[in-house]
Amino acid sequence: MDTDIDTELLITEVQKKRNLWDASNESYKDRDLRIKVWEEIGAVFFRGFQETEPKDKKQLGKFEVLF
């Protein structure tokens, strides 16, 4: 699986998800929602990301440890 990440696309995807970065956002503190949103972002970059084992997801861009 290719692990090169388009940085500009990553920034664009995160900017779309205010609950990841905007502390004034009502859902900012909702950890379950943040996990779901990171799963959605991961799917943009890696085909089959949502079906990937959690330990392998950590290796694919370290998405899970960013919240």
N, C-alpha and C. Protein backbone atom coordinates (compact mmCIF):
# COMPACT_ATOMS: atom_id res chain seq x y z
N MET A 1 0.85 -1.18 0.00
CA MET A 1 0.00 0.00 0.00
C MET A 1 0.89 1.24 0.00
N ASP A 2 0.62 2.16 -0.88
CA ASP A 2 1.40 3.38 -1.00
C ASP A 2 1.14 4.27 0.21
N THR A 3 2.21 4.73 0.87
CA THR A 3 2.04 5.56 2.06
C THR A 3 2.43 7.01 1.84
N ASP A 4 2.69 7.40 0.58
CA ASP A 4 2.97 8.80 0.30
C ASP A 4 1.67 9.59 0.40
N ILE A 5 1.72 10.69 1.14
CA ILE A 5 0.52 11.49 1.39
C ILE A 5 0.67 12.85 0.71
N ASP A 6 -0.34 13.24 -0.01
CA ASP A 6 -0.40 14.57 -0.61
C ASP A 6 -0.71 15.56 0.51
N THR A 7 0.28 16.30 0.95
CA THR A 7 0.15 17.19 2.09
C THR A 7 -0.94 18.24 1.89
N GLU A 8 -0.99 18.80 0.71
CA GLU A 8 -2.01 19.83 0.44
C GLU A 8 -3.41 19.24 0.52
N LEU A 9 -3.59 18.03 0.02
CA LEU A 9 -4.89 17.37 0.10
C LEU A 9 -5.24 17.06 1.56
N LEU A 10 -4.26 16.63 2.33
CA LEU A 10 -4.49 16.36 3.75
C LEU A 10 -4.96 17.63 4.46
N ILE A 11 -4.28 18.73 4.22
CA ILE A 11 -4.66 20.00 4.84
C ILE A 11 -6.07 20.39 4.42
N THR A 12 -6.38 20.24 3.16
CA THR A 12 -7.72 20.57 2.66
C THR A 12 -8.78 19.71 3.34
N GLU A 13 -8.51 18.42 3.46
CA GLU A 13 -9.48 17.52 4.09
C GLU A 13 -9.68 17.86 5.56
N VAL A 14 -8.61 18.18 6.26
CA VAL A 14 -8.72 18.54 7.68
C VAL A 14 -9.45 19.87 7.84
N GLN A 15 -9.18 20.82 6.96
CA GLN A 15 -9.86 22.11 7.03
C GLN A 15 -11.37 21.95 6.88
N LYS A 16 -11.80 20.96 6.13
CA LYS A 16 -13.24 20.70 5.94
C LYS A 16 -13.90 20.20 7.21
N LYS A 17 -13.11 19.64 8.12
CA LYS A 17 -13.63 18.99 9.33
C LYS A 17 -13.32 19.86 10.54
N ARG A 18 -14.16 20.86 10.76
CA ARG A 18 -13.91 21.85 11.81
C ARG A 18 -13.79 21.22 13.19
N ASN A 19 -14.48 20.11 13.42
CA ASN A 19 -14.43 19.51 14.76
C ASN A 19 -13.04 18.95 15.09
N LEU A 20 -12.15 18.87 14.13
CA LEU A 20 -10.79 18.40 14.40
C LEU A 20 -9.87 19.53 14.89
N TRP A 21 -10.19 20.77 14.53
CA TRP A 21 -9.25 21.84 14.82
C TRP A 21 -9.86 23.09 15.45
N ASP A 22 -11.17 23.24 15.42
CA ASP A 22 -11.81 24.45 15.93
C ASP A 22 -12.41 24.19 17.32
N ALA A 23 -11.71 24.65 18.36
CA ALA A 23 -12.14 24.41 19.73
C ALA A 23 -13.50 25.03 20.05
N SER A 24 -13.94 26.00 19.26
CA SER A 24 -15.26 26.59 19.49
C SER A 24 -16.38 25.78 18.83
N ASN A 25 -16.01 24.79 18.05
CA ASN A 25 -16.99 23.92 17.39
C ASN A 25 -17.66 23.04 18.43
N GLU A 26 -18.96 22.92 18.36
CA GLU A 26 -19.74 22.15 19.33
C GLU A 26 -19.27 20.70 19.45
N SER A 27 -18.82 20.11 18.36
CA SER A 27 -18.43 18.70 18.38
C SER A 27 -16.92 18.48 18.55
N TYR A 28 -16.19 19.54 18.86
CA TYR A 28 -14.74 19.46 19.02
C TYR A 28 -14.32 18.41 20.06
N LYS A 29 -15.06 18.30 21.14
CA LYS A 29 -14.70 17.39 22.23
C LYS A 29 -15.27 15.98 22.06
N ASP A 30 -15.98 15.74 20.98
CA ASP A 30 -16.59 14.44 20.75
C ASP A 30 -15.56 13.48 20.15
N ARG A 31 -14.93 12.71 21.01
CA ARG A 31 -13.85 11.81 20.58
C ARG A 31 -14.33 10.80 19.55
N ASP A 32 -15.52 10.24 19.76
CA ASP A 32 -16.05 9.25 18.81
C ASP A 32 -16.22 9.85 17.42
N LEU A 33 -16.70 11.07 17.37
CA LEU A 33 -16.87 11.74 16.08
C LEU A 33 -15.51 12.02 15.44
N ARG A 34 -14.52 12.43 16.24
CA ARG A 34 -13.18 12.66 15.70
C ARG A 34 -12.60 11.38 15.10
N ILE A 35 -12.80 10.27 15.78
CA ILE A 35 -12.32 8.99 15.23
C ILE A 35 -12.99 8.71 13.90
N LYS A 36 -14.30 8.91 13.84
CA LYS A 36 -15.04 8.68 12.60
C LYS A 36 -14.52 9.59 11.47
N VAL A 37 -14.28 10.85 11.80
CA VAL A 37 -13.81 11.81 10.80
C VAL A 37 -12.41 11.42 10.31
N TRP A 38 -11.53 10.99 11.21
CA TRP A 38 -10.20 10.55 10.78
C TRP A 38 -10.30 9.32 9.90
N GLU A 39 -11.28 8.44 10.19
CA GLU A 39 -11.51 7.28 9.32
C GLU A 39 -11.89 7.76 7.92
N GLU A 40 -12.76 8.76 7.85
CA GLU A 40 -13.16 9.30 6.55
C GLU A 40 -11.97 9.89 5.80
N ILE A 41 -11.13 10.63 6.51
CA ILE A 41 -9.94 11.21 5.89
C ILE A 41 -8.99 10.11 5.45
N GLY A 42 -8.81 9.11 6.27
CA GLY A 42 -7.95 7.98 5.91
C GLY A 42 -8.42 7.30 4.64
N ALA A 43 -9.74 7.20 4.47
CA ALA A 43 -10.30 6.57 3.27
C ALA A 43 -10.00 7.37 2.01
N VAL A 44 -9.81 8.68 2.15
CA VAL A 44 -9.46 9.51 0.99
C VAL A 44 -8.07 9.12 0.47
N PHE A 45 -7.20 8.76 1.37
CA PHE A 45 -5.80 8.48 1.01
C PHE A 45 -5.48 7.01 0.77
N PHE A 46 -6.18 6.12 1.45
CA PHE A 46 -5.83 4.71 1.38
C PHE A 46 -7.07 3.86 1.08
N ARG A 47 -7.06 3.22 -0.07
CA ARG A 47 -8.16 2.32 -0.43
C ARG A 47 -8.25 1.21 0.62
N GLY A 48 -9.44 0.94 1.11
CA GLY A 48 -9.64 -0.11 2.10
C GLY A 48 -9.26 0.29 3.52
N PHE A 49 -9.04 1.57 3.75
CA PHE A 49 -8.59 2.04 5.07
C PHE A 49 -9.55 1.64 6.18
N GLN A 50 -10.85 1.77 5.93
CA GLN A 50 -11.83 1.48 6.97
C GLN A 50 -11.86 0.01 7.36
N GLU A 51 -11.43 -0.86 6.47
CA GLU A 51 -11.40 -2.29 6.77
C GLU A 51 -10.04 -2.74 7.31
N THR A 52 -9.08 -1.84 7.35
CA THR A 52 -7.73 -2.15 7.79
C THR A 52 -7.69 -2.34 9.31
N GLU A 53 -6.85 -3.24 9.77
CA GLU A 53 -6.68 -3.48 11.20
C GLU A 53 -6.16 -2.21 11.89
N PRO A 54 -6.63 -1.94 13.12
CA PRO A 54 -6.19 -0.72 13.82
C PRO A 54 -4.67 -0.58 13.92
N LYS A 55 -3.95 -1.67 14.17
CA LYS A 55 -2.50 -1.56 14.28
C LYS A 55 -1.86 -1.15 12.96
N ASP A 56 -2.47 -1.58 11.85
CA ASP A 56 -1.95 -1.20 10.53
C ASP A 56 -2.29 0.24 10.18
N LYS A 57 -3.43 0.73 10.67
CA LYS A 57 -3.81 2.11 10.42
C LYS A 57 -2.79 3.07 11.01
N LYS A 58 -2.24 2.71 12.14
CA LYS A 58 -1.24 3.57 12.78
C LYS A 58 -0.02 3.73 11.89
N GLN A 59 0.28 2.72 11.12
CA GLN A 59 1.41 2.79 10.21
C GLN A 59 1.09 3.60 8.96
N LEU A 60 -0.17 3.74 8.63
CA LEU A 60 -0.59 4.47 7.42
C LEU A 60 -0.89 5.92 7.75
N GLY A 61 0.13 6.69 7.97
CA GLY A 61 -0.06 8.12 8.20
C GLY A 61 -0.26 8.50 9.64
N LYS A 62 -0.28 7.52 10.52
CA LYS A 62 -0.43 7.77 11.96
C LYS A 62 -1.72 8.52 12.28
N PHE A 63 -2.79 8.26 11.54
CA PHE A 63 -4.05 8.98 11.73
C PHE A 63 -4.61 8.82 13.14
N GLU A 64 -4.57 7.62 13.70
CA GLU A 64 -5.21 7.39 14.99
C GLU A 64 -4.54 8.13 16.14
N VAL A 65 -3.28 8.44 16.03
CA VAL A 65 -2.61 9.09 17.15
C VAL A 65 -2.67 10.61 17.05
N LEU A 66 -3.35 11.15 16.07
CA LEU A 66 -3.42 12.59 15.90
C LEU A 66 -4.52 13.25 16.71
N PHE A 67 -5.46 12.50 17.30
CA PHE A 67 -6.53 13.19 18.01
C PHE A 67 -6.07 13.59 19.39
